[in-house]
Amino acid sequence: MWTDTTSIATTATPQRVWKLFEDVAGWTDWNAGIEHVRLEGPFASGSTFVMKPPGMDAFRSTLRDVRPHAGFVDETLLENTRFLVSHELRPLPSGGTRITYAVRVEGPEAATLGPLVTADFPEVLAALKALAEQA
């Protein structure tokens, strides 16, 4: 198993960041690691989405534990590896939000694949923050 956590603070409210999370087709606006993404169903636990990173094959993920304005987990199974990515929103006393991505990778290649999956998280969170603060 391999784990990692990355977070950033923003002046945007949890509700504003949540709107960006719910707009799955718009994830490409703040995540350069996504060439195309399509939600299959509502943004709710049990729904799936298909995502294609640049230069890679598309894969399917499942939304787990969707909690409006608080966070969600997505789960991806690729061969013998399971990826769980938690996206958490915590209100700050200042009125802003702490956005935290926590990743858990399970499987024989976890130590190799985990760092590859999370390498761009600081840039992704910075772009998400910038977009959330525009509104």
N, C-alpha and C. Protein backbone atom coordinates (compact mmCIF):
# COMPACT_ATOMS: atom_id res chain seq x y z
N MET A 1 0.84 -1.18 0.00
CA MET A 1 0.00 0.00 0.00
C MET A 1 0.89 1.25 0.00
N TRP A 2 0.40 2.31 -0.64
CA TRP A 2 1.11 3.59 -0.72
C TRP A 2 0.09 4.69 -0.50
N THR A 3 0.46 5.72 0.29
CA THR A 3 -0.46 6.83 0.56
C THR A 3 0.27 8.16 0.41
N ASP A 4 -0.51 9.21 0.16
CA ASP A 4 0.04 10.55 0.05
C ASP A 4 -1.10 11.54 0.26
N THR A 5 -0.77 12.72 0.77
CA THR A 5 -1.76 13.77 0.99
C THR A 5 -1.19 15.10 0.52
N THR A 6 -2.01 15.87 -0.21
CA THR A 6 -1.64 17.21 -0.68
C THR A 6 -2.81 18.13 -0.39
N SER A 7 -2.52 19.34 0.09
CA SER A 7 -3.62 20.27 0.36
C SER A 7 -3.22 21.70 0.04
N ILE A 8 -4.26 22.54 -0.06
CA ILE A 8 -4.07 23.96 -0.35
C ILE A 8 -5.23 24.72 0.28
N ALA A 9 -4.97 25.94 0.71
CA ALA A 9 -6.03 26.80 1.25
C ALA A 9 -6.46 27.79 0.16
N THR A 10 -7.76 28.10 0.16
CA THR A 10 -8.31 29.06 -0.79
C THR A 10 -9.27 29.98 -0.06
N THR A 11 -9.48 31.16 -0.60
CA THR A 11 -10.47 32.07 -0.04
C THR A 11 -11.88 31.71 -0.50
N ALA A 12 -12.00 30.80 -1.47
CA ALA A 12 -13.30 30.37 -1.97
C ALA A 12 -14.03 29.54 -0.92
N THR A 13 -15.35 29.60 -0.94
CA THR A 13 -16.17 28.82 -0.02
C THR A 13 -16.21 27.36 -0.45
N PRO A 14 -16.53 26.46 0.48
CA PRO A 14 -16.71 25.06 0.08
C PRO A 14 -17.78 24.90 -1.01
N GLN A 15 -18.82 25.72 -0.96
CA GLN A 15 -19.89 25.64 -1.96
C GLN A 15 -19.35 25.98 -3.35
N ARG A 16 -18.49 26.97 -3.45
CA ARG A 16 -17.92 27.35 -4.74
C ARG A 16 -17.02 26.24 -5.29
N VAL A 17 -16.17 25.68 -4.44
CA VAL A 17 -15.29 24.59 -4.89
C VAL A 17 -16.13 23.38 -5.27
N TRP A 18 -17.19 23.12 -4.51
CA TRP A 18 -18.06 21.98 -4.81
C TRP A 18 -18.67 22.10 -6.20
N LYS A 19 -19.06 23.31 -6.58
CA LYS A 19 -19.62 23.50 -7.93
C LYS A 19 -18.62 23.08 -9.00
N LEU A 20 -17.33 23.34 -8.76
CA LEU A 20 -16.30 22.92 -9.71
C LEU A 20 -16.13 21.41 -9.70
N PHE A 21 -16.25 20.78 -8.54
CA PHE A 21 -16.18 19.32 -8.47
C PHE A 21 -17.35 18.69 -9.21
N GLU A 22 -18.56 19.21 -8.99
CA GLU A 22 -19.77 18.65 -9.63
C GLU A 22 -19.75 18.78 -11.15
N ASP A 23 -19.07 19.79 -11.67
CA ASP A 23 -18.98 20.02 -13.12
C ASP A 23 -17.86 19.15 -13.69
N VAL A 24 -18.12 17.85 -13.77
CA VAL A 24 -17.09 16.89 -14.17
C VAL A 24 -16.53 17.21 -15.55
N ALA A 25 -17.36 17.58 -16.49
CA ALA A 25 -16.87 17.94 -17.83
C ALA A 25 -15.91 19.12 -17.76
N GLY A 26 -16.04 19.97 -16.76
CA GLY A 26 -15.18 21.14 -16.59
C GLY A 26 -13.87 20.86 -15.86
N TRP A 27 -13.66 19.61 -15.41
CA TRP A 27 -12.41 19.30 -14.73
C TRP A 27 -11.20 19.61 -15.60
N THR A 28 -11.36 19.54 -16.91
CA THR A 28 -10.25 19.84 -17.81
C THR A 28 -9.83 21.31 -17.72
N ASP A 29 -10.68 22.18 -17.17
CA ASP A 29 -10.34 23.60 -17.01
C ASP A 29 -9.28 23.83 -15.95
N TRP A 30 -9.16 22.90 -15.00
CA TRP A 30 -8.19 23.09 -13.91
C TRP A 30 -7.27 21.88 -13.69
N ASN A 31 -7.43 20.84 -14.49
CA ASN A 31 -6.57 19.68 -14.36
C ASN A 31 -5.97 19.33 -15.72
N ALA A 32 -4.73 19.74 -15.94
CA ALA A 32 -4.06 19.49 -17.22
C ALA A 32 -3.80 18.01 -17.45
N GLY A 33 -3.95 17.18 -16.42
CA GLY A 33 -3.76 15.75 -16.54
C GLY A 33 -4.98 15.03 -17.08
N ILE A 34 -5.99 15.80 -17.52
CA ILE A 34 -7.20 15.22 -18.09
C ILE A 34 -7.40 15.79 -19.48
N GLU A 35 -7.40 14.90 -20.46
CA GLU A 35 -7.69 15.32 -21.84
C GLU A 35 -9.20 15.36 -22.07
N HIS A 36 -9.89 14.36 -21.49
CA HIS A 36 -11.35 14.26 -21.64
C HIS A 36 -11.90 13.51 -20.45
N VAL A 37 -13.08 13.92 -19.97
CA VAL A 37 -13.76 13.20 -18.90
C VAL A 37 -15.26 13.28 -19.13
N ARG A 38 -15.95 12.18 -18.85
CA ARG A 38 -17.39 12.12 -19.05
C ARG A 38 -18.04 11.40 -17.86
N LEU A 39 -18.98 12.08 -17.21
CA LEU A 39 -19.74 11.50 -16.10
C LEU A 39 -20.88 10.68 -16.65
N GLU A 40 -21.07 9.49 -16.08
CA GLU A 40 -22.16 8.61 -16.48
C GLU A 40 -23.15 8.54 -15.32
N GLY A 41 -24.14 9.43 -15.34
CA GLY A 41 -25.10 9.50 -14.26
C GLY A 41 -24.92 10.77 -13.46
N PRO A 42 -25.62 10.89 -12.33
CA PRO A 42 -25.50 12.09 -11.50
C PRO A 42 -24.19 12.08 -10.71
N PHE A 43 -23.81 13.24 -10.20
CA PHE A 43 -22.62 13.31 -9.35
C PHE A 43 -23.04 12.82 -7.96
N ALA A 44 -23.04 11.48 -7.82
CA ALA A 44 -23.52 10.83 -6.60
C ALA A 44 -22.79 9.51 -6.43
N SER A 45 -22.78 9.03 -5.20
CA SER A 45 -22.14 7.74 -4.92
C SER A 45 -22.69 6.67 -5.84
N GLY A 46 -21.80 5.88 -6.42
CA GLY A 46 -22.17 4.80 -7.31
C GLY A 46 -22.09 5.13 -8.78
N SER A 47 -22.12 6.42 -9.13
CA SER A 47 -22.00 6.80 -10.53
C SER A 47 -20.56 6.60 -10.99
N THR A 48 -20.39 6.44 -12.29
CA THR A 48 -19.06 6.26 -12.85
C THR A 48 -18.72 7.41 -13.79
N PHE A 49 -17.43 7.55 -14.03
CA PHE A 49 -16.97 8.50 -15.04
C PHE A 49 -15.82 7.87 -15.80
N VAL A 50 -15.67 8.29 -17.03
CA VAL A 50 -14.58 7.81 -17.89
C VAL A 50 -13.64 8.98 -18.12
N MET A 51 -12.37 8.76 -17.82
CA MET A 51 -11.38 9.82 -17.92
C MET A 51 -10.23 9.36 -18.80
N LYS A 52 -9.75 10.28 -19.63
CA LYS A 52 -8.60 9.98 -20.50
C LYS A 52 -7.50 10.99 -20.24
N PRO A 53 -6.39 10.55 -19.67
CA PRO A 53 -5.23 11.41 -19.54
C PRO A 53 -4.52 11.55 -20.90
N PRO A 54 -3.80 12.64 -21.12
CA PRO A 54 -3.07 12.80 -22.38
C PRO A 54 -2.08 11.64 -22.59
N GLY A 55 -2.12 11.08 -23.80
CA GLY A 55 -1.18 10.02 -24.15
C GLY A 55 -1.45 8.67 -23.53
N MET A 56 -2.58 8.50 -22.86
CA MET A 56 -2.91 7.23 -22.21
C MET A 56 -4.29 6.77 -22.65
N ASP A 57 -4.60 5.52 -22.37
CA ASP A 57 -5.94 5.01 -22.62
C ASP A 57 -6.90 5.54 -21.58
N ALA A 58 -8.16 5.65 -21.95
CA ALA A 58 -9.20 6.07 -21.01
C ALA A 58 -9.44 4.95 -19.99
N PHE A 59 -9.89 5.33 -18.81
CA PHE A 59 -10.24 4.35 -17.78
C PHE A 59 -11.50 4.81 -17.07
N ARG A 60 -12.17 3.87 -16.43
CA ARG A 60 -13.42 4.14 -15.72
C ARG A 60 -13.16 4.18 -14.22
N SER A 61 -13.77 5.14 -13.56
CA SER A 61 -13.70 5.28 -12.11
C SER A 61 -15.12 5.35 -11.55
N THR A 62 -15.25 5.05 -10.26
CA THR A 62 -16.54 5.08 -9.59
C THR A 62 -16.51 6.10 -8.45
N LEU A 63 -17.56 6.91 -8.38
CA LEU A 63 -17.69 7.86 -7.28
C LEU A 63 -18.13 7.09 -6.03
N ARG A 64 -17.45 7.33 -4.94
CA ARG A 64 -17.76 6.71 -3.65
C ARG A 64 -17.90 7.83 -2.61
N ASP A 65 -18.77 7.63 -1.68
CA ASP A 65 -18.88 8.52 -0.53
C ASP A 65 -18.99 10.00 -0.93
N VAL A 66 -19.94 10.32 -1.80
CA VAL A 66 -20.15 11.70 -2.24
C VAL A 66 -20.95 12.44 -1.17
N ARG A 67 -20.35 13.50 -0.63
CA ARG A 67 -20.95 14.31 0.43
C ARG A 67 -20.96 15.76 -0.04
N PRO A 68 -22.13 16.27 -0.52
CA PRO A 68 -22.18 17.62 -1.07
C PRO A 68 -21.54 18.66 -0.15
N HIS A 69 -20.70 19.50 -0.76
CA HIS A 69 -20.00 20.60 -0.11
C HIS A 69 -18.95 20.16 0.91
N ALA A 70 -18.72 18.84 1.02
CA ALA A 70 -17.74 18.33 1.98
C ALA A 70 -16.67 17.47 1.33
N GLY A 71 -17.02 16.72 0.28
CA GLY A 71 -16.01 15.91 -0.36
C GLY A 71 -16.56 14.68 -1.05
N PHE A 72 -15.66 13.96 -1.69
CA PHE A 72 -16.00 12.71 -2.35
C PHE A 72 -14.73 11.89 -2.52
N VAL A 73 -14.94 10.61 -2.79
CA VAL A 73 -13.85 9.69 -3.06
C VAL A 73 -14.12 9.08 -4.44
N ASP A 74 -13.08 8.96 -5.24
CA ASP A 74 -13.23 8.18 -6.46
C ASP A 74 -12.32 6.97 -6.38
N GLU A 75 -12.80 5.88 -6.96
CA GLU A 75 -12.09 4.60 -6.94
C GLU A 75 -11.85 4.14 -8.37
N THR A 76 -10.61 3.76 -8.64
CA THR A 76 -10.24 3.25 -9.95
C THR A 76 -9.54 1.91 -9.75
N LEU A 77 -9.96 0.92 -10.51
CA LEU A 77 -9.33 -0.39 -10.49
C LEU A 77 -8.66 -0.61 -11.84
N LEU A 78 -7.35 -0.76 -11.82
CA LEU A 78 -6.58 -1.03 -13.04
C LEU A 78 -5.76 -2.29 -12.81
N GLU A 79 -6.15 -3.34 -13.49
CA GLU A 79 -5.52 -4.64 -13.33
C GLU A 79 -5.51 -5.03 -11.86
N ASN A 80 -4.36 -5.18 -11.25
CA ASN A 80 -4.28 -5.61 -9.85
C ASN A 80 -4.07 -4.45 -8.89
N THR A 81 -4.38 -3.23 -9.32
CA THR A 81 -4.12 -2.06 -8.50
C THR A 81 -5.42 -1.29 -8.27
N ARG A 82 -5.62 -0.86 -7.03
CA ARG A 82 -6.79 -0.07 -6.64
C ARG A 82 -6.31 1.31 -6.20
N PHE A 83 -6.92 2.34 -6.81
CA PHE A 83 -6.59 3.72 -6.48
C PHE A 83 -7.82 4.36 -5.83
N LEU A 84 -7.66 4.91 -4.65
CA LEU A 84 -8.70 5.66 -3.96
C LEU A 84 -8.19 7.08 -3.78
N VAL A 85 -8.94 8.04 -4.33
CA VAL A 85 -8.54 9.44 -4.21
C VAL A 85 -9.67 10.17 -3.48
N SER A 86 -9.35 10.70 -2.31
CA SER A 86 -10.30 11.46 -1.51
C SER A 86 -10.10 12.94 -1.78
N HIS A 87 -11.20 13.65 -2.03
CA HIS A 87 -11.19 15.09 -2.29
C HIS A 87 -11.99 15.73 -1.16
N GLU A 88 -11.33 16.33 -0.20
CA GLU A 88 -12.00 16.84 0.99
C GLU A 88 -12.03 18.37 1.02
N LEU A 89 -13.14 18.91 1.47
CA LEU A 89 -13.31 20.36 1.63
C LEU A 89 -13.58 20.64 3.10
N ARG A 90 -12.70 21.45 3.71
CA ARG A 90 -12.86 21.81 5.12
C ARG A 90 -12.96 23.33 5.23
N PRO A 91 -14.07 23.83 5.79
CA PRO A 91 -14.18 25.28 5.99
C PRO A 91 -13.08 25.78 6.92
N LEU A 92 -12.54 26.95 6.62
CA LEU A 92 -11.53 27.58 7.45
C LEU A 92 -12.17 28.68 8.30
N PRO A 93 -11.63 28.97 9.46
CA PRO A 93 -12.18 30.05 10.29
C PRO A 93 -12.22 31.39 9.55
N SER A 94 -11.33 31.58 8.59
CA SER A 94 -11.27 32.82 7.82
C SER A 94 -12.39 32.94 6.80
N GLY A 95 -13.15 31.85 6.62
CA GLY A 95 -14.22 31.85 5.63
C GLY A 95 -13.84 31.14 4.35
N GLY A 96 -12.61 30.76 4.21
CA GLY A 96 -12.17 30.04 3.02
C GLY A 96 -12.31 28.55 3.20
N THR A 97 -11.52 27.81 2.45
CA THR A 97 -11.61 26.35 2.44
C THR A 97 -10.22 25.74 2.33
N ARG A 98 -10.01 24.65 3.04
CA ARG A 98 -8.82 23.83 2.81
C ARG A 98 -9.27 22.67 1.92
N ILE A 99 -8.61 22.54 0.76
CA ILE A 99 -8.88 21.45 -0.17
C ILE A 99 -7.76 20.43 0.00
N THR A 100 -8.13 19.19 0.28
CA THR A 100 -7.14 18.15 0.51
C THR A 100 -7.42 16.95 -0.39
N TYR A 101 -6.39 16.51 -1.09
CA TYR A 101 -6.43 15.27 -1.87
C TYR A 101 -5.62 14.24 -1.09
N ALA A 102 -6.24 13.14 -0.72
CA ALA A 102 -5.55 12.04 -0.05
C ALA A 102 -5.67 10.81 -0.93
N VAL A 103 -4.56 10.17 -1.21
CA VAL A 103 -4.52 9.04 -2.14
C VAL A 103 -4.05 7.80 -1.41
N ARG A 104 -4.73 6.71 -1.74
CA ARG A 104 -4.33 5.39 -1.24
C ARG A 104 -4.26 4.47 -2.45
N VAL A 105 -3.12 3.86 -2.65
CA VAL A 105 -2.92 2.93 -3.76
C VAL A 105 -2.60 1.57 -3.16
N GLU A 106 -3.35 0.56 -3.61
CA GLU A 106 -3.16 -0.80 -3.11
C GLU A 106 -2.86 -1.72 -4.29
N GLY A 107 -1.86 -2.57 -4.12
CA GLY A 107 -1.52 -3.53 -5.16
C GLY A 107 -0.03 -3.70 -5.28
N PRO A 108 0.40 -4.65 -6.09
CA PRO A 108 1.82 -4.97 -6.19
C PRO A 108 2.68 -3.83 -6.73
N GLU A 109 2.11 -2.92 -7.49
CA GLU A 109 2.87 -1.80 -8.07
C GLU A 109 2.58 -0.47 -7.36
N ALA A 110 1.98 -0.51 -6.17
CA ALA A 110 1.55 0.70 -5.47
C ALA A 110 2.69 1.70 -5.29
N ALA A 111 3.84 1.24 -4.87
CA ALA A 111 4.96 2.16 -4.61
C ALA A 111 5.48 2.82 -5.88
N THR A 112 5.31 2.17 -7.01
CA THR A 112 5.73 2.75 -8.28
C THR A 112 4.66 3.67 -8.86
N LEU A 113 3.41 3.22 -8.84
CA LEU A 113 2.32 3.96 -9.47
C LEU A 113 1.84 5.15 -8.64
N GLY A 114 1.88 5.04 -7.33
CA GLY A 114 1.41 6.12 -6.47
C GLY A 114 2.06 7.47 -6.76
N PRO A 115 3.38 7.54 -6.77
CA PRO A 115 4.03 8.82 -7.07
C PRO A 115 3.71 9.35 -8.46
N LEU A 116 3.49 8.47 -9.43
CA LEU A 116 3.13 8.91 -10.78
C LEU A 116 1.75 9.56 -10.79
N VAL A 117 0.82 8.99 -10.05
CA VAL A 117 -0.55 9.50 -10.00
C VAL A 117 -0.61 10.86 -9.30
N THR A 118 0.20 11.04 -8.28
CA THR A 118 0.10 12.25 -7.45
C THR A 118 1.09 13.35 -7.82
N ALA A 119 1.96 13.11 -8.79
CA ALA A 119 3.01 14.07 -9.12
C ALA A 119 2.49 15.46 -9.46
N ASP A 120 1.33 15.52 -10.12
CA ASP A 120 0.81 16.83 -10.52
C ASP A 120 -0.21 17.42 -9.54
N PHE A 121 -0.44 16.78 -8.40
CA PHE A 121 -1.46 17.28 -7.47
C PHE A 121 -1.21 18.72 -7.01
N PRO A 122 0.02 19.13 -6.72
CA PRO A 122 0.21 20.54 -6.33
C PRO A 122 -0.24 21.51 -7.43
N GLU A 123 0.07 21.20 -8.69
CA GLU A 123 -0.36 22.06 -9.79
C GLU A 123 -1.87 22.01 -10.00
N VAL A 124 -2.46 20.83 -9.86
CA VAL A 124 -3.90 20.68 -10.00
C VAL A 124 -4.62 21.50 -8.94
N LEU A 125 -4.18 21.39 -7.69
CA LEU A 125 -4.83 22.14 -6.61
C LEU A 125 -4.63 23.64 -6.78
N ALA A 126 -3.47 24.07 -7.25
CA ALA A 126 -3.24 25.50 -7.49
C ALA A 126 -4.17 26.02 -8.57
N ALA A 127 -4.37 25.25 -9.63
CA ALA A 127 -5.27 25.67 -10.71
C ALA A 127 -6.73 25.67 -10.24
N LEU A 128 -7.11 24.68 -9.44
CA LEU A 128 -8.47 24.63 -8.87
C LEU A 128 -8.70 25.84 -7.97
N LYS A 129 -7.73 26.17 -7.15
CA LYS A 129 -7.83 27.35 -6.28
C LYS A 129 -8.00 28.61 -7.10
N ALA A 130 -7.18 28.78 -8.12
CA ALA A 130 -7.25 29.99 -8.95
C ALA A 130 -8.62 30.12 -9.61
N LEU A 131 -9.16 29.03 -10.13
CA LEU A 131 -10.47 29.09 -10.78
C LEU A 131 -11.57 29.36 -9.75
N ALA A 132 -11.49 28.73 -8.60
CA ALA A 132 -12.51 28.93 -7.55
C ALA A 132 -12.50 30.37 -7.05
N GLU A 133 -11.35 31.00 -7.03
CA GLU A 133 -11.26 32.37 -6.54
C GLU A 133 -11.64 33.41 -7.58
N GLN A 134 -11.84 33.01 -8.81
CA GLN A 134 -12.27 33.95 -9.86
C GLN A 134 -13.71 34.38 -9.70
N ALA A 135 -14.52 33.51 -9.14
CA ALA A 135 -15.96 33.81 -9.06
C ALA A 135 -16.28 34.77 -7.91
